[in-house]
C-alpha atoms as a PDB file:
ATOM      1  CA  GLN A   1     -84.964  47.401  61.434  1.00  0.00           C
ATOM      2  CA  GLU A   2     -85.484  50.301  63.887  1.00  0.00           C
ATOM      3  CA  LEU A   3     -85.301  50.228  67.724  1.00  0.00           C
ATOM      4  CA  SER A   4     -87.030  52.584  70.089  1.00  0.00           C
ATOM      5  CA  GLU A   5     -84.428  54.499  72.270  1.00  0.00           C
ATOM      6  CA  ASN A   6     -85.602  52.687  75.168  1.00  0.00           C
ATOM      7  CA  LYS A   7     -85.114  49.187  73.645  1.00  0.00           C
ATOM      8  CA  LEU A   8     -81.863  50.424  72.328  1.00  0.00           C
ATOM      9  CA  LYS A   9     -80.675  51.371  75.688  1.00  0.00           C
ATOM     10  CA  THR A  10     -81.877  47.919  76.982  1.00  0.00           C
ATOM     11  CA  CYS A  11     -79.963  45.881  74.558  1.00  0.00           C
ATOM     12  CA  LEU A  12     -77.168  48.550  73.648  1.00  0.00           C
ATOM     13  CA  PHE A  13     -74.113  46.131  74.002  1.00  0.00           C
ATOM     14  CA  GLU A  14     -75.811  43.595  71.783  1.00  0.00           C
ATOM     15  CA  VAL A  15     -76.649  45.984  69.091  1.00  0.00           C
ATOM     16  CA  ALA A  16     -73.174  47.587  69.221  1.00  0.00           C
ATOM     17  CA  ASN A  17     -71.641  44.098  69.011  1.00  0.00           C
ATOM     18  CA  LEU A  18     -73.724  42.928  66.011  1.00  0.00           C
ATOM     19  CA  LEU A  19     -72.860  46.238  64.257  1.00  0.00           C
ATOM     20  CA  ASN A  20     -69.349  45.903  64.917  1.00  0.00           C
ATOM     21  CA  THR A  21     -69.148  42.388  63.768  1.00  0.00           C
ATOM     22  CA  ALA A  22     -71.166  42.966  60.556  1.00  0.00           C
ATOM     23  CA  THR A  23     -69.557  46.370  59.629  1.00  0.00           C
ATOM     24  CA  SER A  24     -65.605  46.160  59.484  1.00  0.00           C
ATOM     25  CA  GLY A  25     -64.281  49.118  57.815  1.00  0.00           C
ATOM     26  CA  VAL A  26     -67.335  51.103  57.417  1.00  0.00           C
ATOM     27  CA  THR A  27     -67.664  54.743  58.054  1.00  0.00           C
ATOM     28  CA  ASN A  28     -71.148  55.423  59.547  1.00  0.00           C
ATOM     29  CA  ILE A  29     -71.912  58.225  62.057  1.00  0.00           C
ATOM     30  CA  GLU A  30     -74.995  56.548  63.369  1.00  0.00           C
ATOM     31  CA  TYR A  31     -72.987  53.258  64.060  1.00  0.00           C
ATOM     32  CA  ALA A  32     -70.213  55.556  65.649  1.00  0.00           C
ATOM     33  CA  LYS A  33     -72.894  57.222  67.794  1.00  0.00           C
ATOM     34  CA  ILE A  34     -74.018  53.748  69.123  1.00  0.00           C
ATOM     35  CA  ASN A  35     -70.562  52.927  70.010  1.00  0.00           C
ATOM     36  CA  LEU A  36     -70.202  55.965  71.875  1.00  0.00           C
ATOM     37  CA  MET A  37     -73.248  55.120  73.887  1.00  0.00           C
ATOM     38  CA  ALA A  38     -71.903  51.802  74.443  1.00  0.00           C
ATOM     39  CA  ALA A  39     -68.425  53.031  75.505  1.00  0.00           C
ATOM     40  CA  GLU A  40     -70.266  55.521  77.831  1.00  0.00           C
ATOM     41  CA  LYS A  41     -72.332  52.832  79.487  1.00  0.00           C
ATOM     42  CA  ALA A  42     -69.398  50.521  79.738  1.00  0.00           C
ATOM     43  CA  ARG A  43     -67.247  53.307  81.603  1.00  0.00           C
ATOM     44  CA  PHE A  44     -70.277  54.015  84.172  1.00  0.00           C
ATOM     45  CA  ILE A  45     -70.139  50.325  84.961  1.00  0.00           C
ATOM     46  CA  SER A  46     -66.450  50.187  85.161  1.00  0.00           C
ATOM     47  CA  ALA A  47     -66.166  47.732  82.137  1.00  0.00           C
ATOM     48  CA  PHE A  48     -63.060  49.497  80.791  1.00  0.00           C
ATOM     49  CA  ASP A  49     -62.054  46.625  78.394  1.00  0.00           C
ATOM     50  CA  ASN A  50     -65.666  47.159  76.885  1.00  0.00           C
ATOM     51  CA  CYS A  51     -65.346  50.956  77.035  1.00  0.00           C
ATOM     52  CA  SER A  52     -61.981  50.617  75.077  1.00  0.00           C
ATOM     53  CA  ASN A  53     -63.225  48.351  72.443  1.00  0.00           C
ATOM     54  CA  HIS A  54     -66.276  50.209  71.809  1.00  0.00           C
ATOM     55  CA  ALA A  55     -64.719  53.702  71.720  1.00  0.00           C
ATOM     56  CA  SER A  56     -61.966  52.297  69.326  1.00  0.00           C
ATOM     57  CA  LYS A  57     -64.613  50.826  67.073  1.00  0.00           C
ATOM     58  CA  GLY A  58     -66.531  54.177  67.201  1.00  0.00           C
ATOM     59  CA  ILE A  59     -63.328  56.292  66.159  1.00  0.00           C
ATOM     60  CA  SER A  60     -62.748  53.648  63.168  1.00  0.00           C
ATOM     61  CA  MET A  61     -66.213  54.533  61.853  1.00  0.00           C
ATOM     62  CA  LEU A  62     -65.730  58.292  61.970  1.00  0.00           C
ATOM     63  CA  PRO A  63     -64.760  59.990  58.581  1.00  0.00           C
ATOM     64  CA  SER A  64     -61.473  60.909  57.674  1.00  0.00           C
ATOM     65  CA  ASP A  65     -62.442  64.652  58.555  1.00  0.00           C
ATOM     66  CA  LYS A  66     -63.760  63.802  61.935  1.00  0.00           C
ATOM     67  CA  TRP A  67     -62.168  66.712  63.644  1.00  0.00           C
ATOM     68  CA  GLU A  68     -63.994  69.076  61.243  1.00  0.00           C
ATOM     69  CA  SER A  69     -67.398  67.415  60.725  1.00  0.00           C
ATOM     70  CA  HIS A  70     -67.899  65.846  64.209  1.00  0.00           C
ATOM     71  CA  PRO A  71     -65.624  67.279  66.779  1.00  0.00           C
ATOM     72  CA  GLU A  72     -67.701  66.551  69.639  1.00  0.00           C
ATOM     73  CA  MET A  73     -68.115  62.891  69.050  1.00  0.00           C
ATOM     74  CA  ALA A  74     -64.394  62.612  68.172  1.00  0.00           C
ATOM     75  CA  VAL A  75     -63.312  64.134  71.346  1.00  0.00           C
ATOM     76  CA  ARG A  76     -65.647  62.157  73.304  1.00  0.00           C
ATOM     77  CA  LEU A  77     -64.756  58.913  71.812  1.00  0.00           C
ATOM     78  CA  TYR A  78     -60.937  59.598  72.059  1.00  0.00           C
ATOM     79  CA  SER A  79     -61.462  60.759  75.584  1.00  0.00           C
ATOM     80  CA  LEU A  80     -63.310  57.666  76.539  1.00  0.00           C
ATOM     81  CA  ALA A  81     -60.606  55.381  74.828  1.00  0.00           C
ATOM     82  CA  ALA A  82     -57.689  57.305  76.586  1.00  0.00           C
ATOM     83  CA  GLU A  83     -59.363  56.933  80.091  1.00  0.00           C
ATOM     84  CA  ALA A  84     -60.199  53.288  79.442  1.00  0.00           C
ATOM     85  CA  GLU A  85     -56.594  52.487  78.405  1.00  0.00           C
ATOM     86  CA  ARG A  86     -55.301  54.335  81.621  1.00  0.00           C
ATOM     87  CA  PHE A  87     -57.500  52.168  83.749  1.00  0.00           C
ATOM     88  CA  LEU A  88     -56.103  48.918  81.806  1.00  0.00           C
ATOM     89  CA  GLY A  89     -52.611  50.072  82.174  1.00  0.00           C
ATOM     90  CA  ARG A  90     -52.017  50.295  78.561  1.00  0.00           C
ATOM     91  CA  HIS A  91     -50.089  53.375  78.625  1.00  0.00           C
ATOM     92  CA  SER A  92     -48.762  53.534  75.180  1.00  0.00           C
ATOM     93  CA  GLN A  93     -52.024  53.297  73.752  1.00  0.00           C
ATOM     94  CA  MET A  94     -53.441  55.861  75.912  1.00  0.00           C
ATOM     95  CA  ASP A  95     -50.568  58.313  74.811  1.00  0.00           C
ATOM     96  CA  ILE A  96     -51.776  57.621  71.296  1.00  0.00           C
ATOM     97  CA  TYR A  97     -55.352  58.688  71.954  1.00  0.00           C
ATOM     98  CA  CYS A  98     -54.013  61.747  74.101  1.00  0.00           C
ATOM     99  CA  ARG A  99     -51.800  62.946  71.487  1.00  0.00           C
ATOM    100  CA  GLU A 100     -54.568  62.669  68.801  1.00  0.00           C
ATOM    101  CA  VAL A 101     -56.814  65.112  70.788  1.00  0.00           C
ATOM    102  CA  LEU A 102     -54.161  67.360  72.002  1.00  0.00           C
ATOM    103  CA  VAL A 103     -52.862  68.413  68.696  1.00  0.00           C
ATOM    104  CA  GLN A 104     -56.247  69.447  67.462  1.00  0.00           C
ATOM    105  CA  LYS A 105     -56.581  73.130  67.070  1.00  0.00           C
ATOM    106  CA  SER A 106     -60.118  72.957  66.190  1.00  0.00           C
ATOM    107  CA  ILE A 107     -61.252  72.091  69.639  1.00  0.00           C
ATOM    108  CA  SER A 108     -60.982  74.050  72.993  1.00  0.00           C
ATOM    109  CA  ILE A 109     -58.727  73.351  75.889  1.00  0.00           C
ATOM    110  CA  LEU A 110     -61.877  72.725  77.987  1.00  0.00           C
ATOM    111  CA  GLN A 111     -63.107  69.998  75.283  1.00  0.00           C
ATOM    112  CA  LYS A 112     -59.405  68.443  76.080  1.00  0.00           C
ATOM    113  CA  LYS A 113     -59.878  68.288  79.717  1.00  0.00           C
ATOM    114  CA  ASP A 114     -60.755  64.691  80.006  1.00  0.00           C
ATOM    115  CA  VAL A 115     -57.528  63.759  78.126  1.00  0.00           C
ATOM    116  CA  TYR A 116     -55.463  66.119  80.365  1.00  0.00           C
ATOM    117  CA  LEU A 117     -57.027  64.279  83.454  1.00  0.00           C
ATOM    118  CA  ALA A 118     -55.887  60.895  82.015  1.00  0.00           C
ATOM    119  CA  LYS A 119     -52.456  62.368  81.477  1.00  0.00           C
ATOM    120  CA  LEU A 120     -52.226  63.979  84.995  1.00  0.00           C
ATOM    121  CA  ASP A 121     -53.623  60.593  86.857  1.00  0.00           C
ATOM    122  CA  ARG A 122     -51.081  58.503  85.009  1.00  0.00           C
ATOM    123  CA  MET A 123     -48.130  60.971  85.717  1.00  0.00           C
ATOM    124  CA  ALA A 124     -49.260  61.446  89.384  1.00  0.00           C
ATOM    125  CA  ASN A 125     -50.549  57.963  90.446  1.00  0.00           C
ATOM    126  CA  ALA A 126     -49.022  55.325  88.021  1.00  0.00           C
ATOM    127  CA  GLU A 127     -45.598  57.007  87.600  1.00  0.00           C
ATOM    128  CA  LEU A 128     -45.075  59.362  90.376  1.00  0.00           C
ATOM    129  CA  ARG A 129     -44.002  62.140  88.235  1.00  0.00           C
ATOM    130  CA  TYR A 130     -45.423  64.756  90.437  1.00  0.00           C
ATOM    131  CA  ASP A 131     -43.243  67.479  89.274  1.00  0.00           C
ATOM    132  CA  ASP A 132     -44.200  66.723  85.519  1.00  0.00           C
ATOM    133  CA  ALA A 133     -47.876  66.572  86.701  1.00  0.00           C
ATOM    134  CA  ILE A 134     -47.657  70.099  88.310  1.00  0.00           C
ATOM    135  CA  ARG A 135     -45.746  71.479  85.031  1.00  0.00           C
ATOM    136  CA  LEU A 136     -48.821  70.255  83.061  1.00  0.00           C
ATOM    137  CA  CYS A 137     -51.280  71.712  85.336  1.00  0.00           C
ATOM    138  CA  LEU A 138     -49.474  75.125  85.092  1.00  0.00           C
ATOM    139  CA  THR A 139     -49.268  74.835  81.295  1.00  0.00           C
ATOM    140  CA  VAL A 140     -53.098  74.225  80.946  1.00  0.00           C
ATOM    141  CA  LEU A 141     -53.876  76.933  83.622  1.00  0.00           C
ATOM    142  CA  LYS A 142     -51.983  79.222  81.542  1.00  0.00           C
ATOM    143  CA  GLU A 143     -53.649  78.354  78.334  1.00  0.00           C
ATOM    144  CA  LEU A 144     -56.919  78.856  79.831  1.00  0.00           C
ATOM    145  CA  GLY A 145     -55.965  82.270  80.872  1.00  0.00           C
END
């Protein structure tokens, strides 16, 4: 059954949760998109655990060629997941999401900015590694030209 866009926005978390419960292991771009919307909404209200869960589920619903077929959605889902994990203090999981984005040659450095910001925030604020944060900034600036 189809929902109007306004109705979907109203009950977005419920729809995403139902899809996630009923579609384990399914590759579906539309379902991934709903999880992306739910992750963005959760981030907006600072519900970082929900943001992480929806971003992770959205990532799992992308096809294996996600970086070629859906790079914008992939980078957004991975960036949201990394940011949420940073806020939750789960730095090893954040690193996994960051690495996945940063090794992609098919996306621009500007598309990677949210992942770089998550890494910088962790370095500077959580780990107090100011010199490493500065070096990373200089590396990114050099890549930008």
